Amino acid sequence: MFEISETVRNQAEQIKLVIFDVDGVLTDGRLYFGDSGEEYKAFYAKDGLGMKMLMQSGVEVGIITARSAPLVTKRMENLGIQHLYQGQSDKVPAFEEMAHKLGLSHQQVAYVGDDLIDLPVMSRVGLSIAVSDAHPEVIQRAHWTTPQAGGLGGARNVCDLIMSAQGTLQAMIEGQVRGITN
């Protein structure tokens, strides 16, 4: 496991919802377009498993992204993520709606971002997290920065951090060892 401060661990213990950005957090931030205008993104499988385990451990997972893409809808459906907000150039209303819908205080929410558009939500949550290759201003304002980059394990780092702080990581690992994935 990686080093975290007592303050971050205490904040992570309180989290009931983790919200992820997509481009630059769940992907490496590059956008691929085909000749016919179709959009492609690469998602990291280990991030996806981490998100599924996080949900199995009792923590909700949400997505707020400025762009809209059918392939993001498909990926989130595959992972079982029900809280998906696309086309959100101002992410604060989606964050507020998600927290309200789940009956959570801002302190019970973590947000994972990589660029300046994420700062308004990051400034409102109990635990703000930047992926390691985030914009320097985002890293500076985050409570914690992942060891790995966006789209390359950063989201998994977040999931492991939250589960470790809440004492559920070992049980999730043992469940995977035994083949329990539901």
C-alpha atoms as a PDB file:
ATOM      1  CA  MET A   1       0.000   0.000   0.000  1.00  0.00           C
ATOM      2  CA  PHE A   2       1.080   3.619  -0.356  1.00  0.00           C
ATOM      3  CA  GLU A   3       1.795   6.277   2.262  1.00  0.00           C
ATOM      4  CA  ILE A   4      -1.092   8.493   3.342  1.00  0.00           C
ATOM      5  CA  SER A   5      -1.356  11.062   6.076  1.00  0.00           C
ATOM      6  CA  GLU A   6      -3.553  10.532   9.108  1.00  0.00           C
ATOM      7  CA  THR A   7      -5.695  13.459   7.927  1.00  0.00           C
ATOM      8  CA  VAL A   8      -6.346  11.832   4.527  1.00  0.00           C
ATOM      9  CA  ARG A   9      -7.026   8.459   6.172  1.00  0.00           C
ATOM     10  CA  ASN A  10      -9.559  10.106   8.523  1.00  0.00           C
ATOM     11  CA  GLN A  11     -11.239  11.860   5.592  1.00  0.00           C
ATOM     12  CA  ALA A  12     -11.318   8.608   3.588  1.00  0.00           C
ATOM     13  CA  GLU A  13     -13.015   6.783   6.476  1.00  0.00           C
ATOM     14  CA  GLN A  14     -16.027   9.114   6.105  1.00  0.00           C
ATOM     15  CA  ILE A  15     -16.547   8.647   2.342  1.00  0.00           C
ATOM     16  CA  LYS A  16     -19.826   7.157   1.119  1.00  0.00           C
ATOM     17  CA  LEU A  17     -19.595   8.358  -2.514  1.00  0.00           C
ATOM     18  CA  VAL A  18     -16.603   8.677  -4.838  1.00  0.00           C
ATOM     19  CA  ILE A  19     -17.119  10.751  -7.986  1.00  0.00           C
ATOM     20  CA  PHE A  20     -14.722  10.338 -10.892  1.00  0.00           C
ATOM     21  CA  ASP A  21     -14.096  12.549 -13.907  1.00  0.00           C
ATOM     22  CA  VAL A  22     -13.597  10.561 -17.140  1.00  0.00           C
ATOM     23  CA  ASP A  23     -11.082  12.150 -19.536  1.00  0.00           C
ATOM     24  CA  GLY A  24      -7.723  12.289 -17.774  1.00  0.00           C
ATOM     25  CA  VAL A  25      -8.917  10.275 -14.760  1.00  0.00           C
ATOM     26  CA  LEU A  26     -10.535   7.091 -16.080  1.00  0.00           C
ATOM     27  CA  THR A  27      -8.632   7.519 -19.362  1.00  0.00           C
ATOM     28  CA  ASP A  28      -5.187   8.909 -20.089  1.00  0.00           C
ATOM     29  CA  GLY A  29      -6.833  12.072 -21.397  1.00  0.00           C
ATOM     30  CA  ARG A  30      -6.188  11.467 -25.075  1.00  0.00           C
ATOM     31  CA  LEU A  31      -9.161  11.640 -27.439  1.00  0.00           C
ATOM     32  CA  TYR A  32      -9.217   9.387 -30.478  1.00  0.00           C
ATOM     33  CA  PHE A  33     -11.516  10.045 -33.427  1.00  0.00           C
ATOM     34  CA  GLY A  34     -12.178   7.810 -36.427  1.00  0.00           C
ATOM     35  CA  ASP A  35     -12.565   9.077 -39.980  1.00  0.00           C
ATOM     36  CA  SER A  36     -16.348   9.018 -39.609  1.00  0.00           C
ATOM     37  CA  GLY A  37     -16.234  11.060 -36.397  1.00  0.00           C
ATOM     38  CA  GLU A  38     -16.632   8.178 -33.963  1.00  0.00           C
ATOM     39  CA  GLU A  39     -14.865   8.676 -30.640  1.00  0.00           C
ATOM     40  CA  TYR A  40     -12.659   6.090 -28.944  1.00  0.00           C
ATOM     41  CA  LYS A  41     -11.317   5.938 -25.396  1.00  0.00           C
ATOM     42  CA  ALA A  42      -9.147   3.406 -23.597  1.00  0.00           C
ATOM     43  CA  PHE A  43     -10.158   2.428 -20.072  1.00  0.00           C
ATOM     44  CA  TYR A  44      -7.833   0.621 -17.648  1.00  0.00           C
ATOM     45  CA  ALA A  45      -9.289  -2.738 -16.550  1.00  0.00           C
ATOM     46  CA  LYS A  46      -7.705  -2.543 -13.080  1.00  0.00           C
ATOM     47  CA  ASP A  47      -9.472   0.771 -12.461  1.00  0.00           C
ATOM     48  CA  GLY A  48     -12.770  -0.889 -13.382  1.00  0.00           C
ATOM     49  CA  LEU A  49     -12.249  -3.801 -11.001  1.00  0.00           C
ATOM     50  CA  GLY A  50     -11.343  -1.360  -8.236  1.00  0.00           C
ATOM     51  CA  MET A  51     -14.541   0.587  -8.831  1.00  0.00           C
ATOM     52  CA  LYS A  52     -16.616  -2.610  -8.744  1.00  0.00           C
ATOM     53  CA  MET A  53     -14.953  -3.695  -5.493  1.00  0.00           C
ATOM     54  CA  LEU A  54     -15.508  -0.237  -4.012  1.00  0.00           C
ATOM     55  CA  MET A  55     -19.229  -0.504  -4.783  1.00  0.00           C
ATOM     56  CA  GLN A  56     -19.314  -4.035  -3.346  1.00  0.00           C
ATOM     57  CA  SER A  57     -17.760  -2.658  -0.166  1.00  0.00           C
ATOM     58  CA  GLY A  58     -20.717  -0.279   0.230  1.00  0.00           C
ATOM     59  CA  VAL A  59     -19.370   2.945  -1.282  1.00  0.00           C
ATOM     60  CA  GLU A  60     -21.351   4.523  -4.130  1.00  0.00           C
ATOM     61  CA  VAL A  61     -19.523   5.477  -7.340  1.00  0.00           C
ATOM     62  CA  GLY A  62     -20.536   8.342  -9.601  1.00  0.00           C
ATOM     63  CA  ILE A  63     -19.267   9.920 -12.801  1.00  0.00           C
ATOM     64  CA  ILE A  64     -19.371  13.566 -13.839  1.00  0.00           C
ATOM     65  CA  THR A  65     -17.825  14.450 -17.186  1.00  0.00           C
ATOM     66  CA  ALA A  66     -17.907  17.515 -19.397  1.00  0.00           C
ATOM     67  CA  ARG A  67     -18.006  15.478 -22.605  1.00  0.00           C
ATOM     68  CA  SER A  68     -20.767  13.122 -23.763  1.00  0.00           C
ATOM     69  CA  ALA A  69     -20.054   9.797 -25.416  1.00  0.00           C
ATOM     70  CA  PRO A  70     -22.141   6.646 -25.860  1.00  0.00           C
ATOM     71  CA  LEU A  71     -19.058   4.544 -25.120  1.00  0.00           C
ATOM     72  CA  VAL A  72     -18.843   6.112 -21.624  1.00  0.00           C
ATOM     73  CA  THR A  73     -22.476   5.106 -21.037  1.00  0.00           C
ATOM     74  CA  LYS A  74     -21.647   1.556 -22.156  1.00  0.00           C
ATOM     75  CA  ARG A  75     -18.537   1.320 -19.947  1.00  0.00           C
ATOM     76  CA  MET A  76     -20.403   2.561 -16.889  1.00  0.00           C
ATOM     77  CA  GLU A  77     -23.257   0.126 -17.559  1.00  0.00           C
ATOM     78  CA  ASN A  78     -20.678  -2.684 -17.757  1.00  0.00           C
ATOM     79  CA  LEU A  79     -19.317  -1.654 -14.350  1.00  0.00           C
ATOM     80  CA  GLY A  80     -22.777  -1.282 -12.797  1.00  0.00           C
ATOM     81  CA  ILE A  81     -22.366   2.448 -12.149  1.00  0.00           C
ATOM     82  CA  GLN A  82     -25.787   4.064 -11.916  1.00  0.00           C
ATOM     83  CA  HIS A  83     -24.821   7.674 -11.225  1.00  0.00           C
ATOM     84  CA  LEU A  84     -23.653   9.054 -14.580  1.00  0.00           C
ATOM     85  CA  TYR A  85     -23.738  12.712 -15.588  1.00  0.00           C
ATOM     86  CA  GLN A  86     -22.361  13.586 -19.033  1.00  0.00           C
ATOM     87  CA  GLY A  87     -22.196  16.921 -20.831  1.00  0.00           C
ATOM     88  CA  GLN A  88     -21.590  18.815 -17.585  1.00  0.00           C
ATOM     89  CA  SER A  89     -19.366  21.816 -18.322  1.00  0.00           C
ATOM     90  CA  ASP A  90     -20.350  23.075 -14.850  1.00  0.00           C
ATOM     91  CA  LYS A  91     -20.019  19.995 -12.655  1.00  0.00           C
ATOM     92  CA  VAL A  92     -21.315  21.522  -9.417  1.00  0.00           C
ATOM     93  CA  PRO A  93     -25.073  21.030 -10.108  1.00  0.00           C
ATOM     94  CA  ALA A  94     -24.525  17.328 -10.920  1.00  0.00           C
ATOM     95  CA  PHE A  95     -22.452  16.917  -7.746  1.00  0.00           C
ATOM     96  CA  GLU A  96     -25.140  18.629  -5.651  1.00  0.00           C
ATOM     97  CA  GLU A  97     -27.887  16.507  -7.211  1.00  0.00           C
ATOM     98  CA  MET A  98     -25.996  13.267  -6.642  1.00  0.00           C
ATOM     99  CA  ALA A  99     -25.208  14.078  -2.995  1.00  0.00           C
ATOM    100  CA  HIS A 100     -28.810  15.163  -2.364  1.00  0.00           C
ATOM    101  CA  LYS A 101     -30.259  12.077  -4.070  1.00  0.00           C
ATOM    102  CA  LEU A 102     -28.082   9.828  -1.872  1.00  0.00           C
ATOM    103  CA  GLY A 103     -28.724  11.879   1.284  1.00  0.00           C
ATOM    104  CA  LEU A 104     -25.030  12.634   1.812  1.00  0.00           C
ATOM    105  CA  SER A 105     -23.229  15.630   3.223  1.00  0.00           C
ATOM    106  CA  HIS A 106     -20.375  17.135   1.211  1.00  0.00           C
ATOM    107  CA  GLN A 107     -17.946  15.684   3.789  1.00  0.00           C
ATOM    108  CA  GLN A 108     -19.050  12.164   2.808  1.00  0.00           C
ATOM    109  CA  VAL A 109     -18.075  12.687  -0.843  1.00  0.00           C
ATOM    110  CA  ALA A 110     -14.700  12.283  -2.550  1.00  0.00           C
ATOM    111  CA  TYR A 111     -13.998  13.707  -5.993  1.00  0.00           C
ATOM    112  CA  VAL A 112     -11.202  12.645  -8.345  1.00  0.00           C
ATOM    113  CA  GLY A 113     -10.103  15.137 -10.996  1.00  0.00           C
ATOM    114  CA  ASP A 114      -7.245  16.131 -13.244  1.00  0.00           C
ATOM    115  CA  ASP A 115      -7.903  19.586 -14.678  1.00  0.00           C
ATOM    116  CA  LEU A 116      -9.125  23.064 -13.806  1.00  0.00           C
ATOM    117  CA  ILE A 117     -12.767  22.266 -14.630  1.00  0.00           C
ATOM    118  CA  ASP A 118     -12.736  19.898 -11.637  1.00  0.00           C
ATOM    119  CA  LEU A 119     -11.689  22.501  -9.048  1.00  0.00           C
ATOM    120  CA  PRO A 120     -15.194  23.847  -8.223  1.00  0.00           C
ATOM    121  CA  VAL A 121     -16.353  20.390  -7.094  1.00  0.00           C
ATOM    122  CA  MET A 122     -13.007  19.532  -5.501  1.00  0.00           C
ATOM    123  CA  SER A 123     -13.299  22.616  -3.296  1.00  0.00           C
ATOM    124  CA  ARG A 124     -16.681  21.425  -1.940  1.00  0.00           C
ATOM    125  CA  VAL A 125     -16.034  17.775  -1.032  1.00  0.00           C
ATOM    126  CA  GLY A 126     -14.653  16.082   2.055  1.00  0.00           C
ATOM    127  CA  LEU A 127     -11.799  14.450   0.142  1.00  0.00           C
ATOM    128  CA  SER A 128     -10.440  15.956  -3.073  1.00  0.00           C
ATOM    129  CA  ILE A 129      -8.051  13.788  -5.064  1.00  0.00           C
ATOM    130  CA  ALA A 130      -5.851  14.528  -8.084  1.00  0.00           C
ATOM    131  CA  VAL A 131      -4.338  11.891 -10.326  1.00  0.00           C
ATOM    132  CA  SER A 132      -0.546  12.110 -10.489  1.00  0.00           C
ATOM    133  CA  ASP A 133      -0.474  13.675 -13.964  1.00  0.00           C
ATOM    134  CA  ALA A 134      -3.114  16.310 -13.164  1.00  0.00           C
ATOM    135  CA  HIS A 135      -2.638  20.012 -13.837  1.00  0.00           C
ATOM    136  CA  PRO A 136      -0.247  21.446 -11.193  1.00  0.00           C
ATOM    137  CA  GLU A 137      -2.956  23.730  -9.786  1.00  0.00           C
ATOM    138  CA  VAL A 138      -5.237  20.729  -9.255  1.00  0.00           C
ATOM    139  CA  ILE A 139      -2.477  18.794  -7.497  1.00  0.00           C
ATOM    140  CA  GLN A 140      -1.733  21.789  -5.290  1.00  0.00           C
ATOM    141  CA  ARG A 141      -5.364  22.074  -4.173  1.00  0.00           C
ATOM    142  CA  ALA A 142      -6.034  18.348  -3.688  1.00  0.00           C
ATOM    143  CA  HIS A 143      -6.010  16.661  -0.305  1.00  0.00           C
ATOM    144  CA  TRP A 144      -4.216  13.685  -1.865  1.00  0.00           C
ATOM    145  CA  THR A 145      -2.516  12.796  -5.159  1.00  0.00           C
ATOM    146  CA  THR A 146      -2.514   9.257  -6.531  1.00  0.00           C
ATOM    147  CA  PRO A 147       0.791   7.474  -7.152  1.00  0.00           C
ATOM    148  CA  GLN A 148      -0.366   6.446 -10.643  1.00  0.00           C
ATOM    149  CA  ALA A 149      -1.593   8.541 -13.566  1.00  0.00           C
ATOM    150  CA  GLY A 150      -5.092   8.953 -14.915  1.00  0.00           C
ATOM    151  CA  GLY A 151      -6.151   6.032 -17.086  1.00  0.00           C
ATOM    152  CA  LEU A 152      -3.192   4.017 -15.785  1.00  0.00           C
ATOM    153  CA  GLY A 153      -4.192   3.018 -12.280  1.00  0.00           C
ATOM    154  CA  GLY A 154      -4.968   6.346 -10.610  1.00  0.00           C
ATOM    155  CA  ALA A 155      -8.630   5.413 -10.105  1.00  0.00           C
ATOM    156  CA  ARG A 156      -7.596   2.051  -8.634  1.00  0.00           C
ATOM    157  CA  ASN A 157      -5.309   3.887  -6.196  1.00  0.00           C
ATOM    158  CA  VAL A 158      -8.361   5.867  -5.031  1.00  0.00           C
ATOM    159  CA  CYS A 159     -10.508   2.761  -4.605  1.00  0.00           C
ATOM    160  CA  ASP A 160      -7.775   0.980  -2.646  1.00  0.00           C
ATOM    161  CA  LEU A 161      -7.245   4.059  -0.456  1.00  0.00           C
ATOM    162  CA  ILE A 162     -10.932   4.314   0.464  1.00  0.00           C
ATOM    163  CA  MET A 163     -11.332   0.581   1.106  1.00  0.00           C
ATOM    164  CA  SER A 164      -8.110   0.467   3.145  1.00  0.00           C
ATOM    165  CA  ALA A 165      -9.195   3.413   5.305  1.00  0.00           C
ATOM    166  CA  GLN A 166     -12.613   1.838   5.845  1.00  0.00           C
ATOM    167  CA  GLY A 167     -11.198  -1.593   6.657  1.00  0.00           C
ATOM    168  CA  THR A 168     -12.816  -3.388   3.705  1.00  0.00           C
ATOM    169  CA  LEU A 169      -9.863  -3.816   1.322  1.00  0.00           C
ATOM    170  CA  GLN A 170      -8.624  -7.135   2.708  1.00  0.00           C
ATOM    171  CA  ALA A 171     -12.122  -8.632   2.568  1.00  0.00           C
ATOM    172  CA  MET A 172     -12.472  -7.497  -1.053  1.00  0.00           C
ATOM    173  CA  ILE A 173      -9.099  -9.033  -1.906  1.00  0.00           C
ATOM    174  CA  GLU A 174     -10.048 -12.301  -0.194  1.00  0.00           C
ATOM    175  CA  GLY A 175     -13.352 -12.291  -2.086  1.00  0.00           C
ATOM    176  CA  GLN A 176     -11.476 -11.999  -5.369  1.00  0.00           C
ATOM    177  CA  VAL A 177      -9.100 -14.800  -4.338  1.00  0.00           C
ATOM    178  CA  ARG A 178     -12.099 -17.046  -3.613  1.00  0.00           C
ATOM    179  CA  GLY A 179     -13.710 -16.032  -6.909  1.00  0.00           C
ATOM    180  CA  ILE A 180     -16.549 -14.004  -5.434  1.00  0.00           C
ATOM    181  CA  THR A 181     -17.201 -11.094  -7.803  1.00  0.00           C
ATOM    182  CA  ASN A 182     -20.842 -10.214  -7.261  1.00  0.00           C
END
